[in-house]
């Protein structure tokens, strides 16, 4: 689980990133990001109802949180929101992790 200091919680924060942030498209996901003045990056997850029932969405969010916890030390001062599409359900944990890693590198949020 992500630490409280690394989580986006408020609707206002999500809205700001959606409105002012840049987008990077990956395979079955989109990452919105905006530079931050804070030292610790803040991360939000968005998994819509089209992805599946609550059990499926919650499992996916747990996996995403675990993956992002590993990447937090590598992320520059950036706040980001990860938006996933329903097609992501066909991927296992390793594919999901690789997909996020490639997308973060593509957007220069982390360096190789």
PDB file of N, CA and C in Angstrom:
ATOM      1  N   UNK A   1       0.843  -1.183   0.000  1.00  0.00           N
ATOM      2  CA  UNK A   1       0.000   0.000   0.000  1.00  0.00           C
ATOM      3  C   UNK A   1       0.883   1.238   0.000  1.00  0.00           C
ATOM      4  N   UNK A   2       0.444   2.245  -0.684  1.00  0.00           N
ATOM      5  CA  UNK A   2       1.181   3.502  -0.721  1.00  0.00           C
ATOM      6  C   UNK A   2       1.064   4.225   0.621  1.00  0.00           C
ATOM      7  N   UNK A   3       2.122   4.920   1.003  1.00  0.00           N
ATOM      8  CA  UNK A   3       2.069   5.742   2.204  1.00  0.00           C
ATOM      9  C   UNK A   3       1.063   6.865   2.005  1.00  0.00           C
ATOM     10  N   UNK A   4       0.544   7.393   3.099  1.00  0.00           N
ATOM     11  CA  UNK A   4      -0.444   8.465   3.028  1.00  0.00           C
ATOM     12  C   UNK A   4       0.128   9.699   2.339  1.00  0.00           C
ATOM     13  N   UNK A   5       1.412   9.953   2.525  1.00  0.00           N
ATOM     14  CA  UNK A   5       2.014  11.143   1.913  1.00  0.00           C
ATOM     15  C   UNK A   5       2.169  10.995   0.396  1.00  0.00           C
ATOM     16  N   UNK A   6       2.040   9.772  -0.116  1.00  0.00           N
ATOM     17  CA  UNK A   6       2.186   9.517  -1.552  1.00  0.00           C
ATOM     18  C   UNK A   6       0.856   9.267  -2.257  1.00  0.00           C
ATOM     19  N   UNK A   7      -0.261   9.536  -1.584  1.00  0.00           N
ATOM     20  CA  UNK A   7      -1.564   9.257  -2.178  1.00  0.00           C
ATOM     21  C   UNK A   7      -2.329  10.537  -2.490  1.00  0.00           C
ATOM     22  N   UNK A   8      -2.973  10.560  -3.631  1.00  0.00           N
ATOM     23  CA  UNK A   8      -3.944  11.604  -3.931  1.00  0.00           C
ATOM     24  C   UNK A   8      -5.268  11.125  -3.377  1.00  0.00           C
ATOM     25  N   UNK A   9      -5.955  11.992  -2.650  1.00  0.00           N
ATOM     26  CA  UNK A   9      -7.188  11.557  -2.019  1.00  0.00           C
ATOM     27  C   UNK A   9      -8.391  12.397  -2.423  1.00  0.00           C
ATOM     28  N   UNK A  10      -8.168  13.689  -2.628  1.00  0.00           N
ATOM     29  CA  UNK A  10      -9.287  14.598  -2.819  1.00  0.00           C
ATOM     30  C   UNK A  10      -9.666  14.737  -4.284  1.00  0.00           C
ATOM     31  N   UNK A  11     -10.944  14.873  -4.505  1.00  0.00           N
ATOM     32  CA  UNK A  11     -11.477  15.050  -5.847  1.00  0.00           C
ATOM     33  C   UNK A  11     -10.875  16.284  -6.515  1.00  0.00           C
ATOM     34  N   UNK A  12     -10.644  17.305  -5.727  1.00  0.00           N
ATOM     35  CA  UNK A  12     -10.061  18.547  -6.229  1.00  0.00           C
ATOM     36  C   UNK A  12      -8.656  18.310  -6.803  1.00  0.00           C
ATOM     37  N   UNK A  13      -7.868  17.475  -6.131  1.00  0.00           N
ATOM     38  CA  UNK A  13      -6.515  17.146  -6.598  1.00  0.00           C
ATOM     39  C   UNK A  13      -6.566  16.377  -7.924  1.00  0.00           C
ATOM     40  N   UNK A  14      -7.465  15.398  -8.002  1.00  0.00           N
ATOM     41  CA  UNK A  14      -7.630  14.628  -9.241  1.00  0.00           C
ATOM     42  C   UNK A  14      -8.052  15.563 -10.379  1.00  0.00           C
ATOM     43  N   UNK A  15      -9.018  16.438 -10.106  1.00  0.00           N
ATOM     44  CA  UNK A  15      -9.512  17.363 -11.112  1.00  0.00           C
ATOM     45  C   UNK A  15      -8.428  18.286 -11.631  1.00  0.00           C
ATOM     46  N   UNK A  16      -7.578  18.766 -10.741  1.00  0.00           N
ATOM     47  CA  UNK A  16      -6.485  19.652 -11.141  1.00  0.00           C
ATOM     48  C   UNK A  16      -5.526  18.937 -12.090  1.00  0.00           C
ATOM     49  N   UNK A  17      -5.187  17.701 -11.766  1.00  0.00           N
ATOM     50  CA  UNK A  17      -4.257  16.938 -12.608  1.00  0.00           C
ATOM     51  C   UNK A  17      -4.886  16.616 -13.962  1.00  0.00           C
ATOM     52  N   UNK A  18      -6.178  16.265 -13.974  1.00  0.00           N
ATOM     53  CA  UNK A  18      -6.855  15.999 -15.247  1.00  0.00           C
ATOM     54  C   UNK A  18      -6.889  17.254 -16.121  1.00  0.00           C
ATOM     55  N   UNK A  19      -7.126  18.405 -15.487  1.00  0.00           N
ATOM     56  CA  UNK A  19      -7.306  19.643 -16.236  1.00  0.00           C
ATOM     57  C   UNK A  19      -5.976  20.253 -16.691  1.00  0.00           C
ATOM     58  N   UNK A  20      -5.004  20.318 -15.803  1.00  0.00           N
ATOM     59  CA  UNK A  20      -3.748  21.022 -16.081  1.00  0.00           C
ATOM     60  C   UNK A  20      -2.607  20.112 -16.518  1.00  0.00           C
ATOM     61  N   UNK A  21      -2.756  18.825 -16.303  1.00  0.00           N
ATOM     62  CA  UNK A  21      -1.647  17.904 -16.531  1.00  0.00           C
ATOM     63  C   UNK A  21      -1.462  17.476 -17.972  1.00  0.00           C
ATOM     64  N   UNK A  22      -0.332  16.846 -18.212  1.00  0.00           N
ATOM     65  CA  UNK A  22      -0.024  16.248 -19.506  1.00  0.00           C
ATOM     66  C   UNK A  22      -0.426  14.778 -19.469  1.00  0.00           C
ATOM     67  N   UNK A  23      -0.565  14.181 -20.654  1.00  0.00           N
ATOM     68  CA  UNK A  23      -0.982  12.776 -20.745  1.00  0.00           C
ATOM     69  C   UNK A  23       0.082  11.959 -21.456  1.00  0.00           C
ATOM     70  N   UNK A  24       0.208  10.719 -21.015  1.00  0.00           N
ATOM     71  CA  UNK A  24       1.016   9.733 -21.722  1.00  0.00           C
ATOM     72  C   UNK A  24       0.125   8.511 -21.878  1.00  0.00           C
ATOM     73  N   UNK A  25       0.071   7.990 -23.087  1.00  0.00           N
ATOM     74  CA  UNK A  25      -0.717   6.790 -23.329  1.00  0.00           C
ATOM     75  C   UNK A  25       0.197   5.588 -23.372  1.00  0.00           C
ATOM     76  N   UNK A  26      -0.189   4.559 -22.640  1.00  0.00           N
ATOM     77  CA  UNK A  26       0.507   3.290 -22.667  1.00  0.00           C
ATOM     78  C   UNK A  26      -0.440   2.237 -23.207  1.00  0.00           C
ATOM     79  N   UNK A  27      -0.031   1.005 -23.075  1.00  0.00           N
ATOM     80  CA  UNK A  27      -0.874  -0.094 -23.530  1.00  0.00           C
ATOM     81  C   UNK A  27      -1.974  -0.320 -22.500  1.00  0.00           C
ATOM     82  N   UNK A  28      -3.192   0.051 -22.823  1.00  0.00           N
ATOM     83  CA  UNK A  28      -4.375  -0.131 -21.978  1.00  0.00           C
ATOM     84  C   UNK A  28      -4.389   0.767 -20.747  1.00  0.00           C
ATOM     85  N   UNK A  29      -3.619   1.871 -20.756  1.00  0.00           N
ATOM     86  CA  UNK A  29      -3.676   2.810 -19.640  1.00  0.00           C
ATOM     87  C   UNK A  29      -3.245   4.190 -20.105  1.00  0.00           C
ATOM     88  N   UNK A  30      -3.575   5.179 -19.288  1.00  0.00           N
ATOM     89  CA  UNK A  30      -3.186   6.558 -19.565  1.00  0.00           C
ATOM     90  C   UNK A  30      -2.699   7.146 -18.244  1.00  0.00           C
ATOM     91  N   UNK A  31      -1.600   7.876 -18.293  1.00  0.00           N
ATOM     92  CA  UNK A  31      -1.064   8.509 -17.091  1.00  0.00           C
ATOM     93  C   UNK A  31      -1.120  10.021 -17.283  1.00  0.00           C
ATOM     94  N   UNK A  32      -1.845  10.685 -16.389  1.00  0.00           N
ATOM     95  CA  UNK A  32      -1.888  12.137 -16.343  1.00  0.00           C
ATOM     96  C   UNK A  32      -0.861  12.568 -15.310  1.00  0.00           C
ATOM     97  N   UNK A  33      -0.052  13.581 -15.630  1.00  0.00           N
ATOM     98  CA  UNK A  33       0.948  14.021 -14.661  1.00  0.00           C
ATOM     99  C   UNK A  33       1.146  15.527 -14.719  1.00  0.00           C
ATOM    100  N   UNK A  34       1.538  16.076 -13.589  1.00  0.00           N
ATOM    101  CA  UNK A  34       1.805  17.503 -13.473  1.00  0.00           C
ATOM    102  C   UNK A  34       2.978  17.675 -12.503  1.00  0.00           C
ATOM    103  N   UNK A  35       3.917  18.577 -12.802  1.00  0.00           N
ATOM    104  CA  UNK A  35       5.042  18.799 -11.883  1.00  0.00           C
ATOM    105  C   UNK A  35       4.555  19.287 -10.522  1.00  0.00           C
ATOM    106  N   UNK A  36       5.293  18.941  -9.488  1.00  0.00           N
ATOM    107  CA  UNK A  36       4.912  19.290  -8.123  1.00  0.00           C
ATOM    108  C   UNK A  36       6.056  19.993  -7.419  1.00  0.00           C
ATOM    109  N   UNK A  37       5.731  20.853  -6.489  1.00  0.00           N
ATOM    110  CA  UNK A  37       6.750  21.533  -5.686  1.00  0.00           C
ATOM    111  C   UNK A  37       7.136  20.715  -4.461  1.00  0.00           C
ATOM    112  N   UNK A  38       6.339  19.715  -4.157  1.00  0.00           N
ATOM    113  CA  UNK A  38       6.599  18.874  -2.990  1.00  0.00           C
ATOM    114  C   UNK A  38       7.720  17.882  -3.277  1.00  0.00           C
ATOM    115  N   UNK A  39       8.381  17.429  -2.235  1.00  0.00           N
ATOM    116  CA  UNK A  39       9.457  16.451  -2.391  1.00  0.00           C
ATOM    117  C   UNK A  39       8.913  15.068  -2.760  1.00  0.00           C
ATOM    118  N   UNK A  40       7.823  14.672  -2.131  1.00  0.00           N
ATOM    119  CA  UNK A  40       7.272  13.333  -2.353  1.00  0.00           C
ATOM    120  C   UNK A  40       6.235  13.371  -3.469  1.00  0.00           C
ATOM    121  N   UNK A  41       6.319  12.445  -4.421  1.00  0.00           N
ATOM    122  CA  UNK A  41       5.296  12.393  -5.475  1.00  0.00           C
ATOM    123  C   UNK A  41       3.973  11.904  -4.903  1.00  0.00           C
ATOM    124  N   UNK A  42       2.875  12.357  -5.495  1.00  0.00           N
ATOM    125  CA  UNK A  42       1.558  11.884  -5.088  1.00  0.00           C
ATOM    126  C   UNK A  42       0.944  11.136  -6.261  1.00  0.00           C
ATOM    127  N   UNK A  43       0.329   9.999  -5.955  1.00  0.00           N
ATOM    128  CA  UNK A  43      -0.185   9.106  -6.987  1.00  0.00           C
ATOM    129  C   UNK A  43      -1.649   8.798  -6.708  1.00  0.00           C
ATOM    130  N   UNK A  44      -2.457   8.876  -7.760  1.00  0.00           N
ATOM    131  CA  UNK A  44      -3.858   8.504  -7.670  1.00  0.00           C
ATOM    132  C   UNK A  44      -4.170   7.432  -8.699  1.00  0.00           C
ATOM    133  N   UNK A  45      -5.156   6.614  -8.410  1.00  0.00           N
ATOM    134  CA  UNK A  45      -5.556   5.539  -9.312  1.00  0.00           C
ATOM    135  C   UNK A  45      -7.008   5.726  -9.696  1.00  0.00           C
ATOM    136  N   UNK A  46      -7.323   5.491 -10.952  1.00  0.00           N
ATOM    137  CA  UNK A  46      -8.688   5.593 -11.422  1.00  0.00           C
ATOM    138  C   UNK A  46      -9.032   4.325 -12.202  1.00  0.00           C
ATOM    139  N   UNK A  47      -9.928   3.540 -11.626  1.00  0.00           N
ATOM    140  CA  UNK A  47     -10.378   2.301 -12.263  1.00  0.00           C
ATOM    141  C   UNK A  47     -11.896   2.388 -12.356  1.00  0.00           C
ATOM    142  N   UNK A  48     -12.414   2.577 -13.555  1.00  0.00           N
ATOM    143  CA  UNK A  48     -13.840   2.794 -13.766  1.00  0.00           C
ATOM    144  C   UNK A  48     -14.676   1.535 -13.689  1.00  0.00           C
ATOM    145  N   UNK A  49     -15.997   1.738 -13.703  1.00  0.00           N
ATOM    146  CA  UNK A  49     -16.940   0.620 -13.607  1.00  0.00           C
ATOM    147  C   UNK A  49     -16.887  -0.309 -14.813  1.00  0.00           C
ATOM    148  N   UNK A  50     -16.419   0.166 -15.946  1.00  0.00           N
ATOM    149  CA  UNK A  50     -16.365  -0.667 -17.145  1.00  0.00           C
ATOM    150  C   UNK A  50     -15.291  -1.749 -17.050  1.00  0.00           C
ATOM    151  N   UNK A  51     -14.363  -1.593 -16.098  1.00  0.00           N
ATOM    152  CA  UNK A  51     -13.277  -2.568 -15.955  1.00  0.00           C
ATOM    153  C   UNK A  51     -13.808  -3.893 -15.437  1.00  0.00           C
ATOM    154  N   UNK A  52     -14.808  -3.877 -14.594  1.00  0.00           N
ATOM    155  CA  UNK A  52     -15.363  -5.114 -14.069  1.00  0.00           C
ATOM    156  C   UNK A  52     -16.125  -4.852 -12.791  1.00  0.00           C
ATOM    157  N   UNK A  53     -16.489  -5.923 -12.135  1.00  0.00           N
ATOM    158  CA  UNK A  53     -17.201  -5.795 -10.866  1.00  0.00           C
ATOM    159  C   UNK A  53     -16.231  -5.363  -9.777  1.00  0.00           C
ATOM    160  N   UNK A  54     -16.761  -5.053  -8.599  1.00  0.00           N
ATOM    161  CA  UNK A  54     -15.972  -4.481  -7.509  1.00  0.00           C
ATOM    162  C   UNK A  54     -14.782  -5.356  -7.119  1.00  0.00           C
ATOM    163  N   UNK A  55     -14.958  -6.660  -7.110  1.00  0.00           N
ATOM    164  CA  UNK A  55     -13.878  -7.568  -6.732  1.00  0.00           C
ATOM    165  C   UNK A  55     -12.703  -7.428  -7.701  1.00  0.00           C
ATOM    166  N   UNK A  56     -13.008  -7.359  -8.976  1.00  0.00           N
ATOM    167  CA  UNK A  56     -11.984  -7.251 -10.012  1.00  0.00           C
ATOM    168  C   UNK A  56     -11.283  -5.895  -9.920  1.00  0.00           C
ATOM    169  N   UNK A  57     -12.073  -4.829  -9.768  1.00  0.00           N
ATOM    170  CA  UNK A  57     -11.498  -3.478  -9.672  1.00  0.00           C
ATOM    171  C   UNK A  57     -10.602  -3.345  -8.450  1.00  0.00           C
ATOM    172  N   UNK A  58     -11.041  -3.876  -7.326  1.00  0.00           N
ATOM    173  CA  UNK A  58     -10.239  -3.779  -6.100  1.00  0.00           C
ATOM    174  C   UNK A  58      -8.933  -4.552  -6.212  1.00  0.00           C
ATOM    175  N   UNK A  59      -8.979  -5.718  -6.834  1.00  0.00           N
ATOM    176  CA  UNK A  59      -7.753  -6.497  -7.028  1.00  0.00           C
ATOM    177  C   UNK A  59      -6.781  -5.730  -7.917  1.00  0.00           C
ATOM    178  N   UNK A  60      -7.287  -5.148  -8.978  1.00  0.00           N
ATOM    179  CA  UNK A  60      -6.451  -4.371  -9.883  1.00  0.00           C
ATOM    180  C   UNK A  60      -5.843  -3.165  -9.167  1.00  0.00           C
ATOM    181  N   UNK A  61      -6.636  -2.488  -8.344  1.00  0.00           N
ATOM    182  CA  UNK A  61      -6.108  -1.342  -7.590  1.00  0.00           C
ATOM    183  C   UNK A  61      -5.037  -1.767  -6.593  1.00  0.00           C
ATOM    184  N   UNK A  62      -5.213  -2.906  -5.957  1.00  0.00           N
ATOM    185  CA  UNK A  62      -4.177  -3.403  -5.040  1.00  0.00           C
ATOM    186  C   UNK A  62      -2.885  -3.676  -5.784  1.00  0.00           C
ATOM    187  N   UNK A  63      -2.990  -4.299  -6.959  1.00  0.00           N
ATOM    188  CA  UNK A  63      -1.804  -4.573  -7.763  1.00  0.00           C
ATOM    189  C   UNK A  63      -1.124  -3.276  -8.200  1.00  0.00           C
ATOM    190  N   UNK A  64      -1.911  -2.307  -8.645  1.00  0.00           N
ATOM    191  CA  UNK A  64      -1.351  -1.028  -9.072  1.00  0.00           C
ATOM    192  C   UNK A  64      -0.661  -0.302  -7.921  1.00  0.00           C
ATOM    193  N   UNK A  65      -1.260  -0.314  -6.745  1.00  0.00           N
ATOM    194  CA  UNK A  65      -0.636   0.325  -5.581  1.00  0.00           C
ATOM    195  C   UNK A  65       0.699  -0.334  -5.252  1.00  0.00           C
ATOM    196  N   UNK A  66       0.740  -1.645  -5.319  1.00  0.00           N
ATOM    197  CA  UNK A  66       1.975  -2.362  -5.015  1.00  0.00           C
ATOM    198  C   UNK A  66       3.059  -2.027  -6.039  1.00  0.00           C
ATOM    199  N   UNK A  67       2.689  -1.984  -7.292  1.00  0.00           N
ATOM    200  CA  UNK A  67       3.648  -1.634  -8.348  1.00  0.00           C
ATOM    201  C   UNK A  67       4.156  -0.216  -8.149  1.00  0.00           C
ATOM    202  N   UNK A  68       3.261   0.702  -7.894  1.00  0.00           N
ATOM    203  CA  UNK A  68       3.665   2.106  -7.754  1.00  0.00           C
ATOM    204  C   UNK A  68       4.499   2.326  -6.498  1.00  0.00           C
ATOM    205  N   UNK A  69       4.287   1.527  -5.476  1.00  0.00           N
ATOM    206  CA  UNK A  69       5.113   1.642  -4.267  1.00  0.00           C
ATOM    207  C   UNK A  69       6.575   1.353  -4.594  1.00  0.00           C
ATOM    208  N   UNK A  70       6.817   0.443  -5.526  1.00  0.00           N
ATOM    209  CA  UNK A  70       8.187   0.141  -5.942  1.00  0.00           C
ATOM    210  C   UNK A  70       8.792   1.282  -6.762  1.00  0.00           C
ATOM    211  N   UNK A  71       7.949   1.996  -7.512  1.00  0.00           N
ATOM    212  CA  UNK A  71       8.442   3.059  -8.390  1.00  0.00           C
ATOM    213  C   UNK A  71       8.521   4.428  -7.719  1.00  0.00           C
ATOM    214  N   UNK A  72       7.924   4.614  -6.552  1.00  0.00           N
ATOM    215  CA  UNK A  72       7.914   5.923  -5.880  1.00  0.00           C
ATOM    216  C   UNK A  72       9.317   6.505  -5.700  1.00  0.00           C
ATOM    217  N   UNK A  73      10.324   5.741  -5.263  1.00  0.00           N
ATOM    218  CA  UNK A  73      11.655   6.347  -5.114  1.00  0.00           C
ATOM    219  C   UNK A  73      12.267   6.825  -6.441  1.00  0.00           C
ATOM    220  N   UNK A  74      11.819   6.280  -7.563  1.00  0.00           N
ATOM    221  CA  UNK A  74      12.370   6.647  -8.864  1.00  0.00           C
ATOM    222  C   UNK A  74      11.680   7.857  -9.498  1.00  0.00           C
ATOM    223  N   UNK A  75      10.483   8.188  -9.011  1.00  0.00           N
ATOM    224  CA  UNK A  75       9.688   9.248  -9.622  1.00  0.00           C
ATOM    225  C   UNK A  75      10.198  10.613  -9.196  1.00  0.00           C
ATOM    226  N   UNK A  76      10.343  11.483 -10.182  1.00  0.00           N
ATOM    227  CA  UNK A  76      10.739  12.860  -9.907  1.00  0.00           C
ATOM    228  C   UNK A  76       9.573  13.568  -9.224  1.00  0.00           C
ATOM    229  N   UNK A  77       9.763  14.821  -8.857  1.00  0.00           N
ATOM    230  CA  UNK A  77       8.707  15.582  -8.177  1.00  0.00           C
ATOM    231  C   UNK A  77       7.525  15.786  -9.119  1.00  0.00           C
ATOM    232  N   UNK A  78       6.628  14.821  -9.106  1.00  0.00           N
ATOM    233  CA  UNK A  78       5.498  14.804 -10.027  1.00  0.00           C
ATOM    234  C   UNK A  78       4.293  14.193  -9.333  1.00  0.00           C
ATOM    235  N   UNK A  79       3.139  14.794  -9.559  1.00  0.00           N
ATOM    236  CA  UNK A  79       1.891  14.187  -9.125  1.00  0.00           C
ATOM    237  C   UNK A  79       1.276  13.523 -10.342  1.00  0.00           C
ATOM    238  N   UNK A  80       0.752  12.316 -10.169  1.00  0.00           N
ATOM    239  CA  UNK A  80       0.200  11.610 -11.319  1.00  0.00           C
ATOM    240  C   UNK A  80      -1.037  10.804 -10.975  1.00  0.00           C
ATOM    241  N   UNK A  81      -1.844  10.600 -12.007  1.00  0.00           N
ATOM    242  CA  UNK A  81      -3.042   9.772 -11.902  1.00  0.00           C
ATOM    243  C   UNK A  81      -2.953   8.715 -12.988  1.00  0.00           C
ATOM    244  N   UNK A  82      -3.165   7.462 -12.604  1.00  0.00           N
ATOM    245  CA  UNK A  82      -3.146   6.354 -13.558  1.00  0.00           C
ATOM    246  C   UNK A  82      -4.591   5.960 -13.840  1.00  0.00           C
ATOM    247  N   UNK A  83      -4.964   6.060 -15.100  1.00  0.00           N
ATOM    248  CA  UNK A  83      -6.299   5.710 -15.553  1.00  0.00           C
ATOM    249  C   UNK A  83      -6.184   4.445 -16.390  1.00  0.00           C
ATOM    250  N   UNK A  84      -6.900   3.393 -16.000  1.00  0.00           N
ATOM    251  CA  UNK A  84      -6.793   2.126 -16.735  1.00  0.00           C
ATOM    252  C   UNK A  84      -8.047   1.865 -17.551  1.00  0.00           C
ATOM    253  N   UNK A  85      -7.857   1.166 -18.667  1.00  0.00           N
ATOM    254  CA  UNK A  85      -8.947   0.797 -19.560  1.00  0.00           C
ATOM    255  C   UNK A  85      -9.306  -0.675 -19.341  1.00  0.00           C
ATOM    256  N   UNK A  86     -10.533  -1.072 -19.716  1.00  0.00           N
ATOM    257  CA  UNK A  86     -10.981  -2.447 -19.467  1.00  0.00           C
ATOM    258  C   UNK A  86     -10.102  -3.536 -20.077  1.00  0.00           C
ATOM    259  N   UNK A  87      -9.393  -3.231 -21.160  1.00  0.00           N
ATOM    260  CA  UNK A  87      -8.563  -4.238 -21.822  1.00  0.00           C
ATOM    261  C   UNK A  87      -7.394  -4.695 -20.961  1.00  0.00           C
ATOM    262  N   UNK A  88      -7.114  -3.985 -19.893  1.00  0.00           N
ATOM    263  CA  UNK A  88      -5.972  -4.309 -19.030  1.00  0.00           C
ATOM    264  C   UNK A  88      -6.186  -5.618 -18.278  1.00  0.00           C
ATOM    265  N   UNK A  89      -7.422  -6.090 -18.215  1.00  0.00           N
ATOM    266  CA  UNK A  89      -7.714  -7.310 -17.469  1.00  0.00           C
ATOM    267  C   UNK A  89      -7.041  -8.544 -18.053  1.00  0.00           C
ATOM    268  N   UNK A  90      -6.644  -8.499 -19.299  1.00  0.00           N
ATOM    269  CA  UNK A  90      -5.987  -9.641 -19.928  1.00  0.00           C
ATOM    270  C   UNK A  90      -4.528  -9.785 -19.529  1.00  0.00           C
ATOM    271  N   UNK A  91      -3.988  -8.844 -18.759  1.00  0.00           N
ATOM    272  CA  UNK A  91      -2.575  -8.875 -18.399  1.00  0.00           C
ATOM    273  C   UNK A  91      -2.377  -9.447 -16.999  1.00  0.00           C
ATOM    274  N   UNK A  92      -1.261 -10.158 -16.825  1.00  0.00           N
ATOM    275  CA  UNK A  92      -0.919 -10.628 -15.486  1.00  0.00           C
ATOM    276  C   UNK A  92      -0.085  -9.553 -14.782  1.00  0.00           C
ATOM    277  N   UNK A  93       0.342  -9.816 -13.558  1.00  0.00           N
ATOM    278  CA  UNK A  93       1.049  -8.826 -12.738  1.00  0.00           C
ATOM    279  C   UNK A  93       2.335  -8.342 -13.402  1.00  0.00           C
ATOM    280  N   UNK A  94       3.140  -9.255 -13.935  1.00  0.00           N
ATOM    281  CA  UNK A  94       4.412  -8.879 -14.551  1.00  0.00           C
ATOM    282  C   UNK A  94       4.202  -8.024 -15.803  1.00  0.00           C
ATOM    283  N   UNK A  95       3.215  -8.367 -16.602  1.00  0.00           N
ATOM    284  CA  UNK A  95       2.917  -7.572 -17.798  1.00  0.00           C
ATOM    285  C   UNK A  95       2.431  -6.184 -17.402  1.00  0.00           C
ATOM    286  N   UNK A  96       1.617  -6.117 -16.372  1.00  0.00           N
ATOM    287  CA  UNK A  96       1.108  -4.844 -15.873  1.00  0.00           C
ATOM    288  C   UNK A  96       2.250  -3.956 -15.385  1.00  0.00           C
ATOM    289  N   UNK A  97       3.169  -4.550 -14.639  1.00  0.00           N
ATOM    290  CA  UNK A  97       4.319  -3.809 -14.124  1.00  0.00           C
ATOM    291  C   UNK A  97       5.193  -3.293 -15.269  1.00  0.00           C
ATOM    292  N   UNK A  98       5.454  -4.135 -16.247  1.00  0.00           N
ATOM    293  CA  UNK A  98       6.266  -3.750 -17.397  1.00  0.00           C
ATOM    294  C   UNK A  98       5.584  -2.648 -18.199  1.00  0.00           C
ATOM    295  N   UNK A  99       4.281  -2.747 -18.351  1.00  0.00           N
ATOM    296  CA  UNK A  99       3.500  -1.754 -19.076  1.00  0.00           C
ATOM    297  C   UNK A  99       3.600  -0.379 -18.393  1.00  0.00           C
ATOM    298  N   UNK A 100       3.442  -0.341 -17.096  1.00  0.00           N
ATOM    299  CA  UNK A 100       3.539   0.914 -16.343  1.00  0.00           C
ATOM    300  C   UNK A 100       4.950   1.467 -16.417  1.00  0.00           C
ATOM    301  N   UNK A 101       5.949   0.603 -16.273  1.00  0.00           N
ATOM    302  CA  UNK A 101       7.349   1.038 -16.324  1.00  0.00           C
ATOM    303  C   UNK A 101       7.662   1.699 -17.676  1.00  0.00           C
ATOM    304  N   UNK A 102       7.258   1.051 -18.765  1.00  0.00           N
ATOM    305  CA  UNK A 102       7.512   1.600 -20.097  1.00  0.00           C
ATOM    306  C   UNK A 102       6.812   2.942 -20.294  1.00  0.00           C
ATOM    307  N   UNK A 103       5.601   3.057 -19.765  1.00  0.00           N
ATOM    308  CA  UNK A 103       4.845   4.304 -19.905  1.00  0.00           C
ATOM    309  C   UNK A 103       5.484   5.420 -19.093  1.00  0.00           C
ATOM    310  N   UNK A 104       5.970   5.113 -17.892  1.00  0.00           N
ATOM    311  CA  UNK A 104       6.638   6.122 -17.076  1.00  0.00           C
ATOM    312  C   UNK A 104       7.935   6.597 -17.726  1.00  0.00           C
ATOM    313  N   UNK A 105       8.659   5.689 -18.358  1.00  0.00           N
ATOM    314  CA  UNK A 105       9.890   6.067 -19.069  1.00  0.00           C
ATOM    315  C   UNK A 105       9.553   6.911 -20.298  1.00  0.00           C
ATOM    316  N   UNK A 106       8.499   6.510 -21.010  1.00  0.00           N
ATOM    317  CA  UNK A 106       8.081   7.236 -22.217  1.00  0.00           C
ATOM    318  C   UNK A 106       7.770   8.702 -21.888  1.00  0.00           C
ATOM    319  N   UNK A 107       7.159   8.940 -20.723  1.00  0.00           N
ATOM    320  CA  UNK A 107       6.818  10.296 -20.323  1.00  0.00           C
ATOM    321  C   UNK A 107       7.905  11.019 -19.570  1.00  0.00           C
ATOM    322  N   UNK A 108       9.065  10.371 -19.437  1.00  0.00           N
ATOM    323  CA  UNK A 108      10.216  10.932 -18.725  1.00  0.00           C
ATOM    324  C   UNK A 108       9.889  11.275 -17.275  1.00  0.00           C
ATOM    325  N   UNK A 109       9.001  10.485 -16.682  1.00  0.00           N
ATOM    326  CA  UNK A 109       8.681  10.654 -15.265  1.00  0.00           C
ATOM    327  C   UNK A 109       9.749   9.966 -14.422  1.00  0.00           C
ATOM    328  N   UNK A 110      10.270   8.857 -14.937  1.00  0.00           N
ATOM    329  CA  UNK A 110      11.423   8.206 -14.315  1.00  0.00           C
ATOM    330  C   UNK A 110      12.490   8.036 -15.393  1.00  0.00           C
ATOM    331  N   UNK A 111      13.721   7.851 -14.961  1.00  0.00           N
ATOM    332  CA  UNK A 111      14.786   7.617 -15.934  1.00  0.00           C
ATOM    333  C   UNK A 111      15.155   6.139 -15.907  1.00  0.00           C
ATOM    334  N   UNK A 112      15.720   5.650 -16.994  1.00  0.00           N
ATOM    335  CA  UNK A 112      16.079   4.233 -17.091  1.00  0.00           C
ATOM    336  C   UNK A 112      17.165   3.876 -16.197  1.00  0.00           C
TER     337      UNK A 112
END
